[in-house]
Amino acid sequence: MSQPTLSALKTFDAIVRTGSLKGAAQELHITQSAVSHQLRRLEETLERKLVVRSGRGILPTAEGKRLADGLREGFQRLELAVSELTGGQAMRRLRISCLPSIAVRWLIPRLNKFREQYPDIAISIQYASTLQDSITADADVLITWRYETAAPDRDAQRLFSGATYPVASPLYLDQAGPCQTPADLLQMELLHDHSFRPWQTWFKQHGLYSGSMSEGAVYQDFNLLSAAAIAGLGIALCPLTLIETELNQGTLRVLFDIPVSEQRIYWLFHHPQPSSAVTTFCEWINGEVDAI
């Protein structure tokens, strides 16, 4: 039996990690037809079926998975050998796609600790949309939220709850007056993130009718919403993990300990067969979550 080429093996590794021919093509900067050709050539050389189609993606067969596992270990050993040969100068790359709110208010303030522990991993961060439903080929990790409590798939890691609580700045409360019952909020300035629905749901849970809620400022994303709340412009529904600094400093206060959006969970997603940099990052972020 002839031996497969290195390019075919690298292409197969990319297919399994990204879960699609398109993703592998984007990562390797070649055409999708070239990826298909390399895969077909590898299967013919090895005389084995290595992948099967699953929905819109591709999954390895049992034999394909064994090959992918071996290739991943081999490529990681190659990376390590090059790094040792060059005195540790070879950098591992990690591309993170992340919601702006998580990136700005939770992840970036912690990245100095990660860089100190893993100086050989170079990180790049790009914004992810709340409408993005899967990880793309140009990212190794996706951090976003879903309305569900069970892990969407095996390549997902639960981070923390996205349940939101009513919070306000002492600046606003000083001018608006005391807030002693949920009904008091009906007379106050409410801040909205994208839609009025979260506040409507919150009032409904308290047996209160909020009406159409056609008034009140609407902010495009959470960073704008939280900035408005901190500035004393009104009361906002916020995930407590994303405003931990303001809560500790007293610049924001939780008004009632009854949340809404309790099914919202923040998740970390990665491709099948993650790189060593992704595995390291997942282990590190899990430690950061445990410390919350």
C-alpha atoms as a PDB file:
ATOM      1  CA  MET A   1       0.000   0.000   0.000  1.00  0.00           C
ATOM      2  CA  SER A   2       1.335   3.442  -0.912  1.00  0.00           C
ATOM      3  CA  GLN A   3       1.655   6.026   1.840  1.00  0.00           C
ATOM      4  CA  PRO A   4      -0.672   9.074   1.951  1.00  0.00           C
ATOM      5  CA  THR A   5       0.807  12.476   1.286  1.00  0.00           C
ATOM      6  CA  LEU A   6       1.335  15.001   4.056  1.00  0.00           C
ATOM      7  CA  SER A   7      -0.973  17.472   2.300  1.00  0.00           C
ATOM      8  CA  ALA A   8      -3.789  14.893   2.269  1.00  0.00           C
ATOM      9  CA  LEU A   9      -3.283  14.181   5.980  1.00  0.00           C
ATOM     10  CA  LYS A  10      -3.269  17.906   6.831  1.00  0.00           C
ATOM     11  CA  THR A  11      -6.438  18.373   4.803  1.00  0.00           C
ATOM     12  CA  PHE A  12      -8.146  15.479   6.595  1.00  0.00           C
ATOM     13  CA  ASP A  13      -7.109  16.935   9.967  1.00  0.00           C
ATOM     14  CA  ALA A  14      -8.668  20.289   8.995  1.00  0.00           C
ATOM     15  CA  ILE A  15     -11.888  18.590   7.807  1.00  0.00           C
ATOM     16  CA  VAL A  16     -12.360  16.796  11.131  1.00  0.00           C
ATOM     17  CA  ARG A  17     -11.507  19.845  13.245  1.00  0.00           C
ATOM     18  CA  THR A  18     -13.805  22.239  11.365  1.00  0.00           C
ATOM     19  CA  GLY A  19     -16.506  19.667  10.659  1.00  0.00           C
ATOM     20  CA  SER A  20     -16.943  20.597   6.996  1.00  0.00           C
ATOM     21  CA  LEU A  21     -15.233  20.726   3.609  1.00  0.00           C
ATOM     22  CA  LYS A  22     -15.931  24.448   3.406  1.00  0.00           C
ATOM     23  CA  GLY A  23     -14.356  25.083   6.793  1.00  0.00           C
ATOM     24  CA  ALA A  24     -11.244  23.118   5.851  1.00  0.00           C
ATOM     25  CA  ALA A  25     -10.980  25.013   2.558  1.00  0.00           C
ATOM     26  CA  GLN A  26     -11.170  28.368   4.340  1.00  0.00           C
ATOM     27  CA  GLU A  27      -8.562  27.345   6.899  1.00  0.00           C
ATOM     28  CA  LEU A  28      -6.132  25.950   4.334  1.00  0.00           C
ATOM     29  CA  HIS A  29      -6.775  28.732   1.775  1.00  0.00           C
ATOM     30  CA  ILE A  30      -7.608  26.284  -1.010  1.00  0.00           C
ATOM     31  CA  THR A  31     -10.792  25.564  -2.943  1.00  0.00           C
ATOM     32  CA  GLN A  32     -13.497  23.261  -1.628  1.00  0.00           C
ATOM     33  CA  SER A  33     -13.044  21.022  -4.663  1.00  0.00           C
ATOM     34  CA  ALA A  34      -9.346  20.679  -3.794  1.00  0.00           C
ATOM     35  CA  VAL A  35     -10.333  19.590  -0.276  1.00  0.00           C
ATOM     36  CA  SER A  36     -12.741  17.011  -1.728  1.00  0.00           C
ATOM     37  CA  HIS A  37     -10.000  15.752  -4.027  1.00  0.00           C
ATOM     38  CA  GLN A  38      -7.521  15.371  -1.150  1.00  0.00           C
ATOM     39  CA  LEU A  39     -10.092  13.513   0.940  1.00  0.00           C
ATOM     40  CA  ARG A  40     -11.009  11.165  -1.896  1.00  0.00           C
ATOM     41  CA  ARG A  41      -7.323  10.550  -2.604  1.00  0.00           C
ATOM     42  CA  LEU A  42      -6.664   9.739   1.059  1.00  0.00           C
ATOM     43  CA  GLU A  43      -9.600   7.320   1.275  1.00  0.00           C
ATOM     44  CA  GLU A  44      -8.457   5.579  -1.924  1.00  0.00           C
ATOM     45  CA  THR A  45      -4.903   5.296  -0.619  1.00  0.00           C
ATOM     46  CA  LEU A  46      -5.981   3.852   2.721  1.00  0.00           C
ATOM     47  CA  GLU A  47      -8.848   1.872   1.168  1.00  0.00           C
ATOM     48  CA  ARG A  48     -11.188   2.989   3.957  1.00  0.00           C
ATOM     49  CA  LYS A  49     -14.177   5.274   4.396  1.00  0.00           C
ATOM     50  CA  LEU A  50     -12.997   8.044   6.720  1.00  0.00           C
ATOM     51  CA  VAL A  51     -15.972  10.430   6.962  1.00  0.00           C
ATOM     52  CA  VAL A  52     -19.753  10.468   6.699  1.00  0.00           C
ATOM     53  CA  ARG A  53     -22.127  13.367   6.133  1.00  0.00           C
ATOM     54  CA  SER A  54     -24.233  14.441   9.112  1.00  0.00           C
ATOM     55  CA  GLY A  55     -26.759  17.194   8.413  1.00  0.00           C
ATOM     56  CA  ARG A  56     -24.835  20.160   7.056  1.00  0.00           C
ATOM     57  CA  GLY A  57     -21.515  18.905   8.420  1.00  0.00           C
ATOM     58  CA  ILE A  58     -19.114  15.981   8.247  1.00  0.00           C
ATOM     59  CA  LEU A  59     -18.211  13.489  10.971  1.00  0.00           C
ATOM     60  CA  PRO A  60     -15.358  10.962  11.001  1.00  0.00           C
ATOM     61  CA  THR A  61     -16.106   7.252  10.938  1.00  0.00           C
ATOM     62  CA  ALA A  62     -14.679   5.104  13.736  1.00  0.00           C
ATOM     63  CA  GLU A  63     -11.535   4.499  11.666  1.00  0.00           C
ATOM     64  CA  GLY A  64     -11.462   8.140  10.638  1.00  0.00           C
ATOM     65  CA  LYS A  65     -11.574   9.223  14.261  1.00  0.00           C
ATOM     66  CA  ARG A  66      -8.644   6.984  15.150  1.00  0.00           C
ATOM     67  CA  LEU A  67      -6.669   8.489  12.299  1.00  0.00           C
ATOM     68  CA  ALA A  68      -7.673  12.046  13.278  1.00  0.00           C
ATOM     69  CA  ASP A  69      -6.667  11.455  16.910  1.00  0.00           C
ATOM     70  CA  GLY A  70      -3.276  10.159  15.812  1.00  0.00           C
ATOM     71  CA  LEU A  71      -2.748  13.044  13.425  1.00  0.00           C
ATOM     72  CA  ARG A  72      -3.662  15.628  16.066  1.00  0.00           C
ATOM     73  CA  GLU A  73      -1.165  14.097  18.500  1.00  0.00           C
ATOM     74  CA  GLY A  74       1.466  13.951  15.784  1.00  0.00           C
ATOM     75  CA  PHE A  75       0.971  17.557  14.671  1.00  0.00           C
ATOM     76  CA  GLN A  76       1.106  18.723  18.298  1.00  0.00           C
ATOM     77  CA  ARG A  77       4.403  16.880  18.763  1.00  0.00           C
ATOM     78  CA  LEU A  78       5.711  18.570  15.624  1.00  0.00           C
ATOM     79  CA  GLU A  79       4.689  21.972  17.026  1.00  0.00           C
ATOM     80  CA  LEU A  80       6.446  21.161  20.298  1.00  0.00           C
ATOM     81  CA  ALA A  81       9.603  19.977  18.533  1.00  0.00           C
ATOM     82  CA  VAL A  82       9.798  23.170  16.470  1.00  0.00           C
ATOM     83  CA  SER A  83       9.145  25.259  19.579  1.00  0.00           C
ATOM     84  CA  GLU A  84      11.932  23.523  21.506  1.00  0.00           C
ATOM     85  CA  LEU A  85      14.318  23.830  18.575  1.00  0.00           C
ATOM     86  CA  THR A  86      13.716  27.575  18.289  1.00  0.00           C
ATOM     87  CA  GLY A  87      13.956  28.177  22.030  1.00  0.00           C
ATOM     88  CA  GLY A  88      10.219  28.333  22.560  1.00  0.00           C
ATOM     89  CA  GLN A  89       9.766  31.131  20.011  1.00  0.00           C
ATOM     90  CA  ALA A  90       7.217  29.304  17.896  1.00  0.00           C
ATOM     91  CA  MET A  91       3.791  30.672  18.844  1.00  0.00           C
ATOM     92  CA  ARG A  92       0.594  28.667  19.030  1.00  0.00           C
ATOM     93  CA  ARG A  93      -2.380  30.551  17.570  1.00  0.00           C
ATOM     94  CA  LEU A  94      -5.817  30.882  19.151  1.00  0.00           C
ATOM     95  CA  ARG A  95      -8.660  32.681  17.342  1.00  0.00           C
ATOM     96  CA  ILE A  96     -11.572  33.583  19.606  1.00  0.00           C
ATOM     97  CA  SER A  97     -14.979  34.690  18.329  1.00  0.00           C
ATOM     98  CA  CYS A  98     -16.857  36.252  21.225  1.00  0.00           C
ATOM     99  CA  LEU A  99     -19.925  38.350  22.002  1.00  0.00           C
ATOM    100  CA  PRO A 100     -18.861  41.965  22.592  1.00  0.00           C
ATOM    101  CA  SER A 101     -20.387  41.945  26.090  1.00  0.00           C
ATOM    102  CA  ILE A 102     -18.382  38.891  27.189  1.00  0.00           C
ATOM    103  CA  ALA A 103     -15.192  40.088  25.493  1.00  0.00           C
ATOM    104  CA  VAL A 104     -15.226  43.582  26.980  1.00  0.00           C
ATOM    105  CA  ARG A 105     -16.673  42.950  30.426  1.00  0.00           C
ATOM    106  CA  TRP A 106     -15.414  39.479  31.344  1.00  0.00           C
ATOM    107  CA  LEU A 107     -12.774  37.916  29.086  1.00  0.00           C
ATOM    108  CA  ILE A 108     -10.353  40.725  28.241  1.00  0.00           C
ATOM    109  CA  PRO A 109      -9.881  41.839  31.895  1.00  0.00           C
ATOM    110  CA  ARG A 110      -8.660  38.277  32.612  1.00  0.00           C
ATOM    111  CA  LEU A 111      -6.384  37.786  29.608  1.00  0.00           C
ATOM    112  CA  ASN A 112      -3.257  39.151  31.312  1.00  0.00           C
ATOM    113  CA  LYS A 113      -3.346  36.119  33.615  1.00  0.00           C
ATOM    114  CA  PHE A 114      -3.635  33.822  30.617  1.00  0.00           C
ATOM    115  CA  ARG A 115      -0.729  35.497  28.821  1.00  0.00           C
ATOM    116  CA  GLU A 116       1.454  35.207  31.923  1.00  0.00           C
ATOM    117  CA  GLN A 117       0.724  31.481  32.192  1.00  0.00           C
ATOM    118  CA  TYR A 118       0.899  30.713  28.453  1.00  0.00           C
ATOM    119  CA  PRO A 119       3.202  33.201  26.706  1.00  0.00           C
ATOM    120  CA  ASP A 120       3.537  30.836  23.724  1.00  0.00           C
ATOM    121  CA  ILE A 121      -0.132  31.252  22.748  1.00  0.00           C
ATOM    122  CA  ALA A 122      -0.970  34.278  20.594  1.00  0.00           C
ATOM    123  CA  ILE A 123      -4.630  35.289  20.887  1.00  0.00           C
ATOM    124  CA  SER A 124      -6.765  37.176  18.402  1.00  0.00           C
ATOM    125  CA  ILE A 125     -10.355  38.193  19.226  1.00  0.00           C
ATOM    126  CA  GLN A 126     -13.188  39.010  16.870  1.00  0.00           C
ATOM    127  CA  TYR A 127     -16.780  39.945  17.596  1.00  0.00           C
ATOM    128  CA  ALA A 128     -19.475  37.304  17.273  1.00  0.00           C
ATOM    129  CA  SER A 129     -23.103  38.122  16.530  1.00  0.00           C
ATOM    130  CA  THR A 130     -25.928  36.994  18.798  1.00  0.00           C
ATOM    131  CA  LEU A 131     -27.487  35.569  15.605  1.00  0.00           C
ATOM    132  CA  GLN A 132     -24.471  33.324  14.985  1.00  0.00           C
ATOM    133  CA  ASP A 133     -25.631  29.752  15.589  1.00  0.00           C
ATOM    134  CA  SER A 134     -22.382  27.858  15.000  1.00  0.00           C
ATOM    135  CA  ILE A 135     -18.634  28.274  15.084  1.00  0.00           C
ATOM    136  CA  THR A 136     -17.095  29.328  11.772  1.00  0.00           C
ATOM    137  CA  ALA A 137     -13.894  28.173  10.124  1.00  0.00           C
ATOM    138  CA  ASP A 138     -12.082  31.448  10.833  1.00  0.00           C
ATOM    139  CA  ALA A 139     -12.310  30.905  14.614  1.00  0.00           C
ATOM    140  CA  ASP A 140     -11.056  28.183  16.957  1.00  0.00           C
ATOM    141  CA  VAL A 141     -13.429  29.079  19.804  1.00  0.00           C
ATOM    142  CA  LEU A 142     -16.885  30.684  19.957  1.00  0.00           C
ATOM    143  CA  ILE A 143     -18.239  32.205  23.180  1.00  0.00           C
ATOM    144  CA  THR A 144     -21.947  33.055  23.071  1.00  0.00           C
ATOM    145  CA  TRP A 145     -25.254  32.283  24.804  1.00  0.00           C
ATOM    146  CA  ARG A 146     -28.108  29.893  24.171  1.00  0.00           C
ATOM    147  CA  TYR A 147     -31.575  29.513  25.715  1.00  0.00           C
ATOM    148  CA  GLU A 148     -31.030  25.975  26.971  1.00  0.00           C
ATOM    149  CA  THR A 149     -29.676  24.144  29.993  1.00  0.00           C
ATOM    150  CA  ALA A 150     -28.218  20.998  28.417  1.00  0.00           C
ATOM    151  CA  ALA A 151     -24.985  21.058  26.428  1.00  0.00           C
ATOM    152  CA  PRO A 152     -25.832  21.570  22.729  1.00  0.00           C
ATOM    153  CA  ASP A 153     -23.180  19.017  21.705  1.00  0.00           C
ATOM    154  CA  ARG A 154     -20.022  17.353  22.897  1.00  0.00           C
ATOM    155  CA  ASP A 155     -17.856  20.215  21.649  1.00  0.00           C
ATOM    156  CA  ALA A 156     -19.438  22.718  24.059  1.00  0.00           C
ATOM    157  CA  GLN A 157     -18.423  23.830  27.535  1.00  0.00           C
ATOM    158  CA  ARG A 158     -20.871  25.536  29.901  1.00  0.00           C
ATOM    159  CA  LEU A 159     -19.533  28.782  31.348  1.00  0.00           C
ATOM    160  CA  PHE A 160     -22.114  30.558  33.533  1.00  0.00           C
ATOM    161  CA  SER A 161     -25.725  31.656  33.831  1.00  0.00           C
ATOM    162  CA  GLY A 162     -27.066  34.522  31.761  1.00  0.00           C
ATOM    163  CA  ALA A 163     -30.083  35.149  34.007  1.00  0.00           C
ATOM    164  CA  THR A 164     -30.695  38.905  34.357  1.00  0.00           C
ATOM    165  CA  TYR A 165     -31.610  40.950  37.434  1.00  0.00           C
ATOM    166  CA  PRO A 166     -32.883  44.537  37.766  1.00  0.00           C
ATOM    167  CA  VAL A 167     -29.982  46.823  38.666  1.00  0.00           C
ATOM    168  CA  ALA A 168     -29.539  50.561  38.995  1.00  0.00           C
ATOM    169  CA  SER A 169     -26.929  53.124  39.910  1.00  0.00           C
ATOM    170  CA  PRO A 170     -27.196  54.966  43.237  1.00  0.00           C
ATOM    171  CA  LEU A 171     -27.074  58.110  41.084  1.00  0.00           C
ATOM    172  CA  TYR A 172     -30.399  57.204  39.525  1.00  0.00           C
ATOM    173  CA  LEU A 173     -31.989  55.983  42.761  1.00  0.00           C
ATOM    174  CA  ASP A 174     -31.088  59.238  44.527  1.00  0.00           C
ATOM    175  CA  GLN A 175     -33.110  61.237  42.016  1.00  0.00           C
ATOM    176  CA  ALA A 176     -35.898  58.720  41.289  1.00  0.00           C
ATOM    177  CA  GLY A 177     -36.746  57.945  44.895  1.00  0.00           C
ATOM    178  CA  PRO A 178     -36.936  54.669  46.844  1.00  0.00           C
ATOM    179  CA  CYS A 179     -37.658  51.358  45.111  1.00  0.00           C
ATOM    180  CA  GLN A 180     -39.256  49.047  47.668  1.00  0.00           C
ATOM    181  CA  THR A 181     -41.591  46.809  45.621  1.00  0.00           C
ATOM    182  CA  PRO A 182     -41.587  45.496  42.040  1.00  0.00           C
ATOM    183  CA  ALA A 183     -44.580  47.716  41.309  1.00  0.00           C
ATOM    184  CA  ASP A 184     -42.411  50.793  41.982  1.00  0.00           C
ATOM    185  CA  LEU A 185     -40.436  50.002  38.836  1.00  0.00           C
ATOM    186  CA  LEU A 186     -43.481  50.680  36.676  1.00  0.00           C
ATOM    187  CA  GLN A 187     -43.061  54.370  37.482  1.00  0.00           C
ATOM    188  CA  MET A 188     -39.335  54.473  36.758  1.00  0.00           C
ATOM    189  CA  GLU A 189     -37.129  54.790  33.691  1.00  0.00           C
ATOM    190  CA  LEU A 190     -36.485  51.328  32.267  1.00  0.00           C
ATOM    191  CA  LEU A 191     -33.577  50.587  29.932  1.00  0.00           C
ATOM    192  CA  HIS A 192     -33.929  47.956  27.213  1.00  0.00           C
ATOM    193  CA  ASP A 193     -31.489  45.705  25.367  1.00  0.00           C
ATOM    194  CA  HIS A 194     -32.860  45.048  21.828  1.00  0.00           C
ATOM    195  CA  SER A 195     -36.489  44.565  22.903  1.00  0.00           C
ATOM    196  CA  PHE A 196     -39.084  45.232  25.600  1.00  0.00           C
ATOM    197  CA  ARG A 197     -39.818  41.535  26.137  1.00  0.00           C
ATOM    198  CA  PRO A 198     -37.429  40.838  29.064  1.00  0.00           C
ATOM    199  CA  TRP A 199     -38.996  43.580  31.170  1.00  0.00           C
ATOM    200  CA  GLN A 200     -42.502  42.470  30.203  1.00  0.00           C
ATOM    201  CA  THR A 201     -41.632  38.935  31.326  1.00  0.00           C
ATOM    202  CA  TRP A 202     -40.112  40.185  34.577  1.00  0.00           C
ATOM    203  CA  PHE A 203     -43.246  42.144  35.499  1.00  0.00           C
ATOM    204  CA  LYS A 204     -45.473  39.218  34.511  1.00  0.00           C
ATOM    205  CA  GLN A 205     -43.573  36.989  36.957  1.00  0.00           C
ATOM    206  CA  HIS A 206     -44.564  39.441  39.681  1.00  0.00           C
ATOM    207  CA  GLY A 207     -48.220  39.479  38.630  1.00  0.00           C
ATOM    208  CA  LEU A 208     -47.941  42.992  37.227  1.00  0.00           C
ATOM    209  CA  TYR A 209     -49.177  44.297  33.890  1.00  0.00           C
ATOM    210  CA  SER A 210     -46.556  46.433  32.155  1.00  0.00           C
ATOM    211  CA  GLY A 211     -48.552  47.414  29.074  1.00  0.00           C
ATOM    212  CA  SER A 212     -46.928  47.732  25.665  1.00  0.00           C
ATOM    213  CA  MET A 213     -43.810  49.406  27.099  1.00  0.00           C
ATOM    214  CA  SER A 214     -43.475  51.618  24.053  1.00  0.00           C
ATOM    215  CA  GLU A 215     -41.420  54.113  26.057  1.00  0.00           C
ATOM    216  CA  GLY A 216     -37.895  53.804  27.404  1.00  0.00           C
ATOM    217  CA  ALA A 217     -34.483  53.845  25.770  1.00  0.00           C
ATOM    218  CA  VAL A 218     -33.420  50.824  23.675  1.00  0.00           C
ATOM    219  CA  TYR A 219     -29.716  50.033  23.345  1.00  0.00           C
ATOM    220  CA  GLN A 220     -28.196  47.937  20.587  1.00  0.00           C
ATOM    221  CA  ASP A 221     -25.969  45.797  22.793  1.00  0.00           C
ATOM    222  CA  PHE A 222     -25.197  45.064  26.417  1.00  0.00           C
ATOM    223  CA  ASN A 223     -22.114  47.299  26.572  1.00  0.00           C
ATOM    224  CA  LEU A 224     -24.281  50.327  25.749  1.00  0.00           C
ATOM    225  CA  LEU A 225     -27.034  49.189  28.117  1.00  0.00           C
ATOM    226  CA  SER A 226     -24.691  48.687  31.068  1.00  0.00           C
ATOM    227  CA  ALA A 227     -22.962  52.022  30.402  1.00  0.00           C
ATOM    228  CA  ALA A 228     -26.348  53.750  30.505  1.00  0.00           C
ATOM    229  CA  ALA A 229     -27.239  52.067  33.800  1.00  0.00           C
ATOM    230  CA  ILE A 230     -23.875  53.003  35.349  1.00  0.00           C
ATOM    231  CA  ALA A 231     -24.366  56.610  34.213  1.00  0.00           C
ATOM    232  CA  GLY A 232     -27.656  56.758  36.112  1.00  0.00           C
ATOM    233  CA  LEU A 233     -30.012  56.841  33.135  1.00  0.00           C
ATOM    234  CA  GLY A 234     -32.383  54.197  34.468  1.00  0.00           C
ATOM    235  CA  ILE A 235     -32.859  50.581  35.535  1.00  0.00           C
ATOM    236  CA  ALA A 236     -31.566  47.682  33.439  1.00  0.00           C
ATOM    237  CA  LEU A 237     -31.808  43.898  33.461  1.00  0.00           C
ATOM    238  CA  CYS A 238     -28.242  42.583  33.602  1.00  0.00           C
ATOM    239  CA  PRO A 239     -26.411  39.254  34.076  1.00  0.00           C
ATOM    240  CA  LEU A 240     -24.604  39.637  37.404  1.00  0.00           C
ATOM    241  CA  THR A 241     -21.396  37.990  36.178  1.00  0.00           C
ATOM    242  CA  LEU A 242     -20.921  40.744  33.594  1.00  0.00           C
ATOM    243  CA  ILE A 243     -21.250  43.561  36.135  1.00  0.00           C
ATOM    244  CA  GLU A 244     -19.321  42.012  39.047  1.00  0.00           C
ATOM    245  CA  THR A 245     -16.872  44.933  39.169  1.00  0.00           C
ATOM    246  CA  GLU A 246     -19.652  47.523  39.448  1.00  0.00           C
ATOM    247  CA  LEU A 247     -21.489  45.480  42.076  1.00  0.00           C
ATOM    248  CA  ASN A 248     -18.320  45.151  44.164  1.00  0.00           C
ATOM    249  CA  GLN A 249     -17.604  48.874  43.836  1.00  0.00           C
ATOM    250  CA  GLY A 250     -21.191  49.855  44.601  1.00  0.00           C
ATOM    251  CA  THR A 251     -21.712  51.730  41.330  1.00  0.00           C
ATOM    252  CA  LEU A 252     -24.602  49.365  40.565  1.00  0.00           C
ATOM    253  CA  ARG A 253     -27.061  47.737  42.972  1.00  0.00           C
ATOM    254  CA  VAL A 254     -29.333  44.725  42.564  1.00  0.00           C
ATOM    255  CA  LEU A 255     -32.865  45.907  43.327  1.00  0.00           C
ATOM    256  CA  PHE A 256     -34.682  42.555  43.539  1.00  0.00           C
ATOM    257  CA  ASP A 257     -33.230  39.077  43.805  1.00  0.00           C
ATOM    258  CA  ILE A 258     -35.670  37.579  41.275  1.00  0.00           C
ATOM    259  CA  PRO A 259     -34.252  37.034  37.769  1.00  0.00           C
ATOM    260  CA  VAL A 260     -35.619  36.658  34.270  1.00  0.00           C
ATOM    261  CA  SER A 261     -34.116  34.770  31.298  1.00  0.00           C
ATOM    262  CA  GLU A 262     -33.100  31.952  33.624  1.00  0.00           C
ATOM    263  CA  GLN A 263     -32.742  29.567  30.665  1.00  0.00           C
ATOM    264  CA  ARG A 264     -30.015  31.736  29.128  1.00  0.00           C
ATOM    265  CA  ILE A 265     -26.595  30.077  29.470  1.00  0.00           C
ATOM    266  CA  TYR A 266     -23.210  31.263  28.231  1.00  0.00           C
ATOM    267  CA  TRP A 267     -21.277  28.559  26.373  1.00  0.00           C
ATOM    268  CA  LEU A 268     -17.869  28.010  24.846  1.00  0.00           C
ATOM    269  CA  PHE A 269     -17.873  26.057  21.565  1.00  0.00           C
ATOM    270  CA  HIS A 270     -14.919  24.599  19.670  1.00  0.00           C
ATOM    271  CA  HIS A 271     -14.382  22.414  16.620  1.00  0.00           C
ATOM    272  CA  PRO A 272     -14.009  18.640  16.886  1.00  0.00           C
ATOM    273  CA  GLN A 273     -10.382  17.585  17.423  1.00  0.00           C
ATOM    274  CA  PRO A 274      -9.304  20.874  19.077  1.00  0.00           C
ATOM    275  CA  SER A 275      -5.704  22.057  18.878  1.00  0.00           C
ATOM    276  CA  SER A 276      -3.445  22.092  21.920  1.00  0.00           C
ATOM    277  CA  ALA A 277      -3.992  25.856  22.217  1.00  0.00           C
ATOM    278  CA  VAL A 278      -7.769  25.371  22.330  1.00  0.00           C
ATOM    279  CA  THR A 279      -7.476  22.603  24.929  1.00  0.00           C
ATOM    280  CA  THR A 280      -5.233  24.789  27.069  1.00  0.00           C
ATOM    281  CA  PHE A 281      -7.625  27.736  26.793  1.00  0.00           C
ATOM    282  CA  CYS A 282     -10.658  25.594  27.685  1.00  0.00           C
ATOM    283  CA  GLU A 283      -8.922  24.290  30.814  1.00  0.00           C
ATOM    284  CA  TRP A 284      -7.853  27.818  31.804  1.00  0.00           C
ATOM    285  CA  ILE A 285     -11.285  29.388  31.300  1.00  0.00           C
ATOM    286  CA  ASN A 286     -12.892  26.564  33.270  1.00  0.00           C
ATOM    287  CA  GLY A 287     -10.677  27.556  36.205  1.00  0.00           C
ATOM    288  CA  GLU A 288     -11.730  31.194  35.835  1.00  0.00           C
ATOM    289  CA  VAL A 289     -15.405  30.180  35.858  1.00  0.00           C
ATOM    290  CA  ASP A 290     -14.911  28.026  38.959  1.00  0.00           C
ATOM    291  CA  ALA A 291     -13.454  31.079  40.738  1.00  0.00           C
ATOM    292  CA  ILE A 292     -16.580  33.192  40.173  1.00  0.00           C
END
